Amino acid sequence: MGTPISAEKIGAPEETTAYAEEKLEKLNINTAAAEELIRLSGIGEKRAADIITYRERNGNFSCIEDIMQVSGIGEKTYEKIKEEITVGE
């Protein structure tokens, strides 16, 4: 019959299932706290605060592209985070 092949031998990712699922879950930019927003690529404490201030003044984002209306978030930053965010459709 032969020796069973383990996941290690065929080069399976080392991520755990829980970690992979966490990575796939998108962050709702309409409800996320600053601590959550800073986990996004290119978003630090200042930019997270700017996102929250924008939400408070203008209401919820209607689409993810609207995040580029926040001062300091341009196309480059948007391209980095667009796969990680949602508006909670």
PDB file of N, CA and C in Angstrom:
ATOM      1  N   MET A   1       0.800  -1.194   0.000  1.00  0.00           N
ATOM      2  CA  MET A   1       0.000   0.000   0.000  1.00  0.00           C
ATOM      3  C   MET A   1       0.842   1.256   0.000  1.00  0.00           C
ATOM      4  N   GLY A   2       1.920   1.281   0.630  1.00  0.00           N
ATOM      5  CA  GLY A   2       2.768   2.461   0.654  1.00  0.00           C
ATOM      6  C   GLY A   2       2.542   3.288   1.900  1.00  0.00           C
ATOM      7  N   THR A   3       3.339   4.320   2.030  1.00  0.00           N
ATOM      8  CA  THR A   3       3.276   5.205   3.185  1.00  0.00           C
ATOM      9  C   THR A   3       2.322   6.351   2.903  1.00  0.00           C
ATOM     10  N   PRO A   4       1.439   6.653   3.863  1.00  0.00           N
ATOM     11  CA  PRO A   4       0.543   7.800   3.664  1.00  0.00           C
ATOM     12  C   PRO A   4       1.348   9.087   3.547  1.00  0.00           C
ATOM     13  N   ILE A   5       0.891   9.991   2.732  1.00  0.00           N
ATOM     14  CA  ILE A   5       1.563  11.271   2.556  1.00  0.00           C
ATOM     15  C   ILE A   5       0.962  12.271   3.535  1.00  0.00           C
ATOM     16  N   SER A   6       1.811  12.934   4.294  1.00  0.00           N
ATOM     17  CA  SER A   6       1.324  13.939   5.238  1.00  0.00           C
ATOM     18  C   SER A   6       1.255  15.287   4.541  1.00  0.00           C
ATOM     19  N   ALA A   7       0.532  16.207   5.134  1.00  0.00           N
ATOM     20  CA  ALA A   7       0.400  17.550   4.579  1.00  0.00           C
ATOM     21  C   ALA A   7       1.757  18.235   4.479  1.00  0.00           C
ATOM     22  N   GLU A   8       2.640  17.932   5.431  1.00  0.00           N
ATOM     23  CA  GLU A   8       3.963  18.544   5.411  1.00  0.00           C
ATOM     24  C   GLU A   8       4.730  18.137   4.166  1.00  0.00           C
ATOM     25  N   LYS A   9       4.579  16.908   3.748  1.00  0.00           N
ATOM     26  CA  LYS A   9       5.336  16.411   2.612  1.00  0.00           C
ATOM     27  C   LYS A   9       4.859  16.981   1.284  1.00  0.00           C
ATOM     28  N   ILE A  10       3.610  17.422   1.212  1.00  0.00           N
ATOM     29  CA  ILE A  10       3.126  17.959  -0.051  1.00  0.00           C
ATOM     30  C   ILE A  10       3.102  19.485  -0.056  1.00  0.00           C
ATOM     31  N   GLY A  11       3.634  20.091   0.959  1.00  0.00           N
ATOM     32  CA  GLY A  11       3.785  21.543   0.988  1.00  0.00           C
ATOM     33  C   GLY A  11       2.509  22.302   1.291  1.00  0.00           C
ATOM     34  N   ALA A  12       1.655  21.766   2.130  1.00  0.00           N
ATOM     35  CA  ALA A  12       0.432  22.470   2.519  1.00  0.00           C
ATOM     36  C   ALA A  12       0.798  23.704   3.330  1.00  0.00           C
ATOM     37  N   PRO A  13      -0.011  24.750   3.254  1.00  0.00           N
ATOM     38  CA  PRO A  13       0.274  25.957   4.037  1.00  0.00           C
ATOM     39  C   PRO A  13       0.318  25.640   5.528  1.00  0.00           C
ATOM     40  N   GLU A  14       1.127  26.390   6.230  1.00  0.00           N
ATOM     41  CA  GLU A  14       1.267  26.160   7.661  1.00  0.00           C
ATOM     42  C   GLU A  14       0.203  26.882   8.471  1.00  0.00           C
ATOM     43  N   GLU A  15      -0.642  27.679   7.818  1.00  0.00           N
ATOM     44  CA  GLU A  15      -1.686  28.404   8.538  1.00  0.00           C
ATOM     45  C   GLU A  15      -2.689  27.425   9.132  1.00  0.00           C
ATOM     46  N   THR A  16      -3.178  27.785  10.279  1.00  0.00           N
ATOM     47  CA  THR A  16      -4.247  26.978  10.855  1.00  0.00           C
ATOM     48  C   THR A  16      -5.555  27.389  10.208  1.00  0.00           C
ATOM     49  N   THR A  17      -6.550  26.545  10.312  1.00  0.00           N
ATOM     50  CA  THR A  17      -7.847  26.860   9.723  1.00  0.00           C
ATOM     51  C   THR A  17      -8.418  28.124  10.340  1.00  0.00           C
ATOM     52  N   ALA A  18      -8.305  28.284  11.641  1.00  0.00           N
ATOM     53  CA  ALA A  18      -8.846  29.471  12.314  1.00  0.00           C
ATOM     54  C   ALA A  18      -8.168  30.732  11.795  1.00  0.00           C
ATOM     55  N   TYR A  19      -6.867  30.679  11.630  1.00  0.00           N
ATOM     56  CA  TYR A  19      -6.131  31.848  11.124  1.00  0.00           C
ATOM     57  C   TYR A  19      -6.565  32.164   9.695  1.00  0.00           C
ATOM     58  N   ALA A  20      -6.706  31.166   8.868  1.00  0.00           N
ATOM     59  CA  ALA A  20      -7.117  31.366   7.482  1.00  0.00           C
ATOM     60  C   ALA A  20      -8.511  31.981   7.421  1.00  0.00           C
ATOM     61  N   GLU A  21      -9.427  31.516   8.258  1.00  0.00           N
ATOM     62  CA  GLU A  21     -10.774  32.069   8.275  1.00  0.00           C
ATOM     63  C   GLU A  21     -10.758  33.521   8.745  1.00  0.00           C
ATOM     64  N   GLU A  22      -9.934  33.813   9.740  1.00  0.00           N
ATOM     65  CA  GLU A  22      -9.835  35.179  10.250  1.00  0.00           C
ATOM     66  C   GLU A  22      -9.322  36.098   9.148  1.00  0.00           C
ATOM     67  N   LYS A  23      -8.373  35.622   8.368  1.00  0.00           N
ATOM     68  CA  LYS A  23      -7.814  36.405   7.287  1.00  0.00           C
ATOM     69  C   LYS A  23      -8.847  36.707   6.201  1.00  0.00           C
ATOM     70  N   LEU A  24      -9.767  35.774   5.970  1.00  0.00           N
ATOM     71  CA  LEU A  24     -10.760  35.941   4.923  1.00  0.00           C
ATOM     72  C   LEU A  24     -11.892  36.877   5.315  1.00  0.00           C
ATOM     73  N   GLU A  25     -12.131  37.045   6.603  1.00  0.00           N
ATOM     74  CA  GLU A  25     -13.214  37.904   7.053  1.00  0.00           C
ATOM     75  C   GLU A  25     -12.839  39.362   6.816  1.00  0.00           C
ATOM     76  N   LYS A  26     -13.717  40.076   6.131  1.00  0.00           N
ATOM     77  CA  LYS A  26     -13.435  41.475   5.812  1.00  0.00           C
ATOM     78  C   LYS A  26     -13.844  42.389   6.957  1.00  0.00           C
ATOM     79  N   LEU A  27     -13.157  43.496   7.070  1.00  0.00           N
ATOM     80  CA  LEU A  27     -13.397  44.477   8.119  1.00  0.00           C
ATOM     81  C   LEU A  27     -14.431  45.484   7.635  1.00  0.00           C
ATOM     82  N   ASN A  28     -15.491  45.660   8.408  1.00  0.00           N
ATOM     83  CA  ASN A  28     -16.539  46.613   8.071  1.00  0.00           C
ATOM     84  C   ASN A  28     -16.055  48.010   8.468  1.00  0.00           C
ATOM     85  N   ILE A  29     -15.784  48.833   7.466  1.00  0.00           N
ATOM     86  CA  ILE A  29     -15.255  50.176   7.740  1.00  0.00           C
ATOM     87  C   ILE A  29     -16.314  51.119   8.299  1.00  0.00           C
ATOM     88  N   ASN A  30     -17.570  50.706   8.301  1.00  0.00           N
ATOM     89  CA  ASN A  30     -18.633  51.525   8.888  1.00  0.00           C
ATOM     90  C   ASN A  30     -18.786  51.298  10.389  1.00  0.00           C
ATOM     91  N   THR A  31     -18.250  50.208  10.883  1.00  0.00           N
ATOM     92  CA  THR A  31     -18.421  49.887  12.300  1.00  0.00           C
ATOM     93  C   THR A  31     -17.099  49.624  13.035  1.00  0.00           C
ATOM     94  N   ALA A  32     -16.010  49.522  12.311  1.00  0.00           N
ATOM     95  CA  ALA A  32     -14.724  49.160  12.917  1.00  0.00           C
ATOM     96  C   ALA A  32     -14.207  50.232  13.863  1.00  0.00           C
ATOM     97  N   ALA A  33     -13.650  49.778  14.962  1.00  0.00           N
ATOM     98  CA  ALA A  33     -12.992  50.663  15.921  1.00  0.00           C
ATOM     99  C   ALA A  33     -11.585  50.978  15.414  1.00  0.00           C
ATOM    100  N   ALA A  34     -10.979  51.996  15.977  1.00  0.00           N
ATOM    101  CA  ALA A  34      -9.627  52.400  15.573  1.00  0.00           C
ATOM    102  C   ALA A  34      -8.644  51.243  15.681  1.00  0.00           C
ATOM    103  N   GLU A  35      -8.763  50.449  16.735  1.00  0.00           N
ATOM    104  CA  GLU A  35      -7.854  49.320  16.949  1.00  0.00           C
ATOM    105  C   GLU A  35      -7.943  48.314  15.809  1.00  0.00           C
ATOM    106  N   GLU A  36      -9.121  48.173  15.223  1.00  0.00           N
ATOM    107  CA  GLU A  36      -9.301  47.259  14.101  1.00  0.00           C
ATOM    108  C   GLU A  36      -8.781  47.877  12.808  1.00  0.00           C
ATOM    109  N   LEU A  37      -9.048  49.143  12.620  1.00  0.00           N
ATOM    110  CA  LEU A  37      -8.635  49.826  11.388  1.00  0.00           C
ATOM    111  C   LEU A  37      -7.124  49.859  11.219  1.00  0.00           C
ATOM    112  N   ILE A  38      -6.387  49.979  12.317  1.00  0.00           N
ATOM    113  CA  ILE A  38      -4.923  50.063  12.191  1.00  0.00           C
ATOM    114  C   ILE A  38      -4.300  48.737  11.761  1.00  0.00           C
ATOM    115  N   ARG A  39      -5.059  47.672  11.754  1.00  0.00           N
ATOM    116  CA  ARG A  39      -4.551  46.390  11.255  1.00  0.00           C
ATOM    117  C   ARG A  39      -4.494  46.359   9.727  1.00  0.00           C
ATOM    118  N   LEU A  40      -5.144  47.305   9.073  1.00  0.00           N
ATOM    119  CA  LEU A  40      -5.134  47.370   7.616  1.00  0.00           C
ATOM    120  C   LEU A  40      -3.802  47.916   7.121  1.00  0.00           C
ATOM    121  N   SER A  41      -3.359  47.448   5.984  1.00  0.00           N
ATOM    122  CA  SER A  41      -2.094  47.897   5.391  1.00  0.00           C
ATOM    123  C   SER A  41      -2.127  49.394   5.136  1.00  0.00           C
ATOM    124  N   GLY A  42      -1.147  50.098   5.670  1.00  0.00           N
ATOM    125  CA  GLY A  42      -1.029  51.531   5.414  1.00  0.00           C
ATOM    126  C   GLY A  42      -1.908  52.420   6.274  1.00  0.00           C
ATOM    127  N   ILE A  43      -2.636  51.838   7.223  1.00  0.00           N
ATOM    128  CA  ILE A  43      -3.506  52.630   8.095  1.00  0.00           C
ATOM    129  C   ILE A  43      -2.903  52.635   9.500  1.00  0.00           C
ATOM    130  N   GLY A  44      -2.490  53.804   9.929  1.00  0.00           N
ATOM    131  CA  GLY A  44      -1.945  53.949  11.273  1.00  0.00           C
ATOM    132  C   GLY A  44      -2.984  54.595  12.186  1.00  0.00           C
ATOM    133  N   GLU A  45      -2.548  54.998  13.366  1.00  0.00           N
ATOM    134  CA  GLU A  45      -3.461  55.600  14.341  1.00  0.00           C
ATOM    135  C   GLU A  45      -4.116  56.871  13.811  1.00  0.00           C
ATOM    136  N   LYS A  46      -3.347  57.724  13.179  1.00  0.00           N
ATOM    137  CA  LYS A  46      -3.872  58.998  12.649  1.00  0.00           C
ATOM    138  C   LYS A  46      -4.924  58.745  11.575  1.00  0.00           C
ATOM    139  N   ARG A  47      -4.623  57.876  10.642  1.00  0.00           N
ATOM    140  CA  ARG A  47      -5.553  57.600   9.547  1.00  0.00           C
ATOM    141  C   ARG A  47      -6.802  56.894  10.058  1.00  0.00           C
ATOM    142  N   ALA A  48      -6.654  56.018  11.045  1.00  0.00           N
ATOM    143  CA  ALA A  48      -7.820  55.354  11.641  1.00  0.00           C
ATOM    144  C   ALA A  48      -8.731  56.396  12.286  1.00  0.00           C
ATOM    145  N   ALA A  49      -8.139  57.346  12.980  1.00  0.00           N
ATOM    146  CA  ALA A  49      -8.923  58.423  13.593  1.00  0.00           C
ATOM    147  C   ALA A  49      -9.616  59.263  12.520  1.00  0.00           C
ATOM    148  N   ASP A  50      -8.932  59.491  11.402  1.00  0.00           N
ATOM    149  CA  ASP A  50      -9.520  60.243  10.295  1.00  0.00           C
ATOM    150  C   ASP A  50     -10.725  59.505   9.704  1.00  0.00           C
ATOM    151  N   ILE A  51     -10.637  58.189   9.611  1.00  0.00           N
ATOM    152  CA  ILE A  51     -11.753  57.385   9.088  1.00  0.00           C
ATOM    153  C   ILE A  51     -12.957  57.515  10.014  1.00  0.00           C
ATOM    154  N   ILE A  52     -12.728  57.405  11.296  1.00  0.00           N
ATOM    155  CA  ILE A  52     -13.819  57.507  12.272  1.00  0.00           C
ATOM    156  C   ILE A  52     -14.424  58.907  12.257  1.00  0.00           C
ATOM    157  N   THR A  53     -13.592  59.937  12.194  1.00  0.00           N
ATOM    158  CA  THR A  53     -14.089  61.314  12.117  1.00  0.00           C
ATOM    159  C   THR A  53     -14.921  61.515  10.857  1.00  0.00           C
ATOM    160  N   TYR A  54     -14.449  60.984   9.746  1.00  0.00           N
ATOM    161  CA  TYR A  54     -15.199  61.093   8.496  1.00  0.00           C
ATOM    162  C   TYR A  54     -16.578  60.450   8.643  1.00  0.00           C
ATOM    163  N   ARG A  55     -16.623  59.271   9.241  1.00  0.00           N
ATOM    164  CA  ARG A  55     -17.894  58.563   9.455  1.00  0.00           C
ATOM    165  C   ARG A  55     -18.840  59.377  10.316  1.00  0.00           C
ATOM    166  N   GLU A  56     -18.307  59.957  11.375  1.00  0.00           N
ATOM    167  CA  GLU A  56     -19.136  60.736  12.300  1.00  0.00           C
ATOM    168  C   GLU A  56     -19.719  61.973  11.623  1.00  0.00           C
ATOM    169  N   ARG A  57     -18.961  62.589  10.735  1.00  0.00           N
ATOM    170  CA  ARG A  57     -19.406  63.810  10.063  1.00  0.00           C
ATOM    171  C   ARG A  57     -20.285  63.552   8.838  1.00  0.00           C
ATOM    172  N   ASN A  58     -20.046  62.449   8.153  1.00  0.00           N
ATOM    173  CA  ASN A  58     -20.688  62.206   6.863  1.00  0.00           C
ATOM    174  C   ASN A  58     -21.606  60.984   6.829  1.00  0.00           C
ATOM    175  N   GLY A  59     -21.635  60.237   7.897  1.00  0.00           N
ATOM    176  CA  GLY A  59     -22.427  59.002   7.893  1.00  0.00           C
ATOM    177  C   GLY A  59     -21.618  57.843   7.326  1.00  0.00           C
ATOM    178  N   ASN A  60     -22.280  56.713   7.189  1.00  0.00           N
ATOM    179  CA  ASN A  60     -21.606  55.499   6.726  1.00  0.00           C
ATOM    180  C   ASN A  60     -21.120  55.616   5.288  1.00  0.00           C
ATOM    181  N   PHE A  61     -20.073  54.859   5.006  1.00  0.00           N
ATOM    182  CA  PHE A  61     -19.590  54.734   3.640  1.00  0.00           C
ATOM    183  C   PHE A  61     -20.615  53.899   2.879  1.00  0.00           C
ATOM    184  N   SER A  62     -20.951  54.292   1.661  1.00  0.00           N
ATOM    185  CA  SER A  62     -21.924  53.518   0.895  1.00  0.00           C
ATOM    186  C   SER A  62     -21.258  52.435   0.051  1.00  0.00           C
ATOM    187  N   CYS A  63     -19.976  52.614  -0.260  1.00  0.00           N
ATOM    188  CA  CYS A  63     -19.200  51.590  -0.962  1.00  0.00           C
ATOM    189  C   CYS A  63     -17.748  51.709  -0.497  1.00  0.00           C
ATOM    190  N   ILE A  64     -16.975  50.662  -0.714  1.00  0.00           N
ATOM    191  CA  ILE A  64     -15.603  50.677  -0.194  1.00  0.00           C
ATOM    192  C   ILE A  64     -14.746  51.759  -0.837  1.00  0.00           C
ATOM    193  N   GLU A  65     -15.050  52.129  -2.058  1.00  0.00           N
ATOM    194  CA  GLU A  65     -14.290  53.179  -2.742  1.00  0.00           C
ATOM    195  C   GLU A  65     -14.408  54.522  -2.034  1.00  0.00           C
ATOM    196  N   ASP A  66     -15.508  54.710  -1.297  1.00  0.00           N
ATOM    197  CA  ASP A  66     -15.712  55.965  -0.568  1.00  0.00           C
ATOM    198  C   ASP A  66     -14.626  56.241   0.460  1.00  0.00           C
ATOM    199  N   ILE A  67     -13.891  55.225   0.853  1.00  0.00           N
ATOM    200  CA  ILE A  67     -12.830  55.442   1.844  1.00  0.00           C
ATOM    201  C   ILE A  67     -11.764  56.393   1.296  1.00  0.00           C
ATOM    202  N   MET A  68     -11.696  56.514  -0.025  1.00  0.00           N
ATOM    203  CA  MET A  68     -10.732  57.444  -0.613  1.00  0.00           C
ATOM    204  C   MET A  68     -11.147  58.904  -0.411  1.00  0.00           C
ATOM    205  N   GLN A  69     -12.357  59.145   0.112  1.00  0.00           N
ATOM    206  CA  GLN A  69     -12.790  60.495   0.448  1.00  0.00           C
ATOM    207  C   GLN A  69     -12.142  60.979   1.748  1.00  0.00           C
ATOM    208  N   VAL A  70     -11.584  60.036   2.515  1.00  0.00           N
ATOM    209  CA  VAL A  70     -10.898  60.372   3.765  1.00  0.00           C
ATOM    210  C   VAL A  70      -9.536  60.971   3.419  1.00  0.00           C
ATOM    211  N   SER A  71      -9.237  62.095   4.012  1.00  0.00           N
ATOM    212  CA  SER A  71      -7.965  62.765   3.773  1.00  0.00           C
ATOM    213  C   SER A  71      -6.803  61.813   4.048  1.00  0.00           C
ATOM    214  N   GLY A  72      -5.891  61.731   3.096  1.00  0.00           N
ATOM    215  CA  GLY A  72      -4.711  60.888   3.278  1.00  0.00           C
ATOM    216  C   GLY A  72      -4.852  59.475   2.742  1.00  0.00           C
ATOM    217  N   ILE A  73      -6.048  59.109   2.300  1.00  0.00           N
ATOM    218  CA  ILE A  73      -6.231  57.779   1.717  1.00  0.00           C
ATOM    219  C   ILE A  73      -6.477  57.950   0.224  1.00  0.00           C
ATOM    220  N   GLY A  74      -5.477  57.586  -0.534  1.00  0.00           N
ATOM    221  CA  GLY A  74      -5.566  57.702  -1.984  1.00  0.00           C
ATOM    222  C   GLY A  74      -5.648  56.339  -2.641  1.00  0.00           C
ATOM    223  N   GLU A  75      -5.438  56.325  -3.935  1.00  0.00           N
ATOM    224  CA  GLU A  75      -5.551  55.087  -4.703  1.00  0.00           C
ATOM    225  C   GLU A  75      -4.560  54.020  -4.254  1.00  0.00           C
ATOM    226  N   LYS A  76      -3.338  54.417  -3.920  1.00  0.00           N
ATOM    227  CA  LYS A  76      -2.327  53.432  -3.507  1.00  0.00           C
ATOM    228  C   LYS A  76      -2.753  52.712  -2.229  1.00  0.00           C
ATOM    229  N   THR A  77      -3.207  53.467  -1.242  1.00  0.00           N
ATOM    230  CA  THR A  77      -3.656  52.851   0.004  1.00  0.00           C
ATOM    231  C   THR A  77      -4.903  52.015  -0.249  1.00  0.00           C
ATOM    232  N   TYR A  78      -5.821  52.551  -1.034  1.00  0.00           N
ATOM    233  CA  TYR A  78      -7.041  51.820  -1.356  1.00  0.00           C
ATOM    234  C   TYR A  78      -6.715  50.478  -2.003  1.00  0.00           C
ATOM    235  N   GLU A  79      -5.786  50.462  -2.938  1.00  0.00           N
ATOM    236  CA  GLU A  79      -5.405  49.219  -3.609  1.00  0.00           C
ATOM    237  C   GLU A  79      -4.860  48.191  -2.611  1.00  0.00           C
ATOM    238  N   LYS A  80      -4.173  48.659  -1.577  1.00  0.00           N
ATOM    239  CA  LYS A  80      -3.625  47.758  -0.560  1.00  0.00           C
ATOM    240  C   LYS A  80      -4.710  47.130   0.309  1.00  0.00           C
ATOM    241  N   ILE A  81      -5.805  47.883   0.554  1.00  0.00           N
ATOM    242  CA  ILE A  81      -6.789  47.422   1.540  1.00  0.00           C
ATOM    243  C   ILE A  81      -8.114  46.966   0.962  1.00  0.00           C
ATOM    244  N   LYS A  82      -8.348  47.165  -0.325  1.00  0.00           N
ATOM    245  CA  LYS A  82      -9.675  46.913  -0.890  1.00  0.00           C
ATOM    246  C   LYS A  82     -10.159  45.477  -0.725  1.00  0.00           C
ATOM    247  N   GLU A  83      -9.247  44.521  -0.678  1.00  0.00           N
ATOM    248  CA  GLU A  83      -9.647  43.118  -0.500  1.00  0.00           C
ATOM    249  C   GLU A  83      -9.925  42.782   0.964  1.00  0.00           C
ATOM    250  N   GLU A  84      -9.584  43.703   1.860  1.00  0.00           N
ATOM    251  CA  GLU A  84      -9.720  43.463   3.298  1.00  0.00           C
ATOM    252  C   GLU A  84     -10.908  44.164   3.921  1.00  0.00           C
ATOM    253  N   ILE A  85     -11.608  45.022   3.142  1.00  0.00           N
ATOM    254  CA  ILE A  85     -12.661  45.840   3.737  1.00  0.00           C
ATOM    255  C   ILE A  85     -14.031  45.613   3.090  1.00  0.00           C
ATOM    256  N   THR A  86     -15.063  45.985   3.843  1.00  0.00           N
ATOM    257  CA  THR A  86     -16.440  45.918   3.369  1.00  0.00           C
ATOM    258  C   THR A  86     -17.206  47.065   4.002  1.00  0.00           C
ATOM    259  N   VAL A  87     -18.390  47.338   3.457  1.00  0.00           N
ATOM    260  CA  VAL A  87     -19.294  48.317   4.080  1.00  0.00           C
ATOM    261  C   VAL A  87     -20.502  47.606   4.688  1.00  0.00           C
ATOM    262  N   GLY A  88     -20.421  46.296   4.772  1.00  0.00           N
ATOM    263  CA  GLY A  88     -21.448  45.510   5.453  1.00  0.00           C
ATOM    264  C   GLY A  88     -22.731  45.344   4.673  1.00  0.00           C
ATOM    265  N   GLU A  89     -22.603  45.104   3.412  1.00  0.00           N
ATOM    266  CA  GLU A  89     -23.769  44.947   2.536  1.00  0.00           C
ATOM    267  C   GLU A  89     -24.692  43.919   3.005  1.00  0.00           C
TER     268      GLU A  89
END
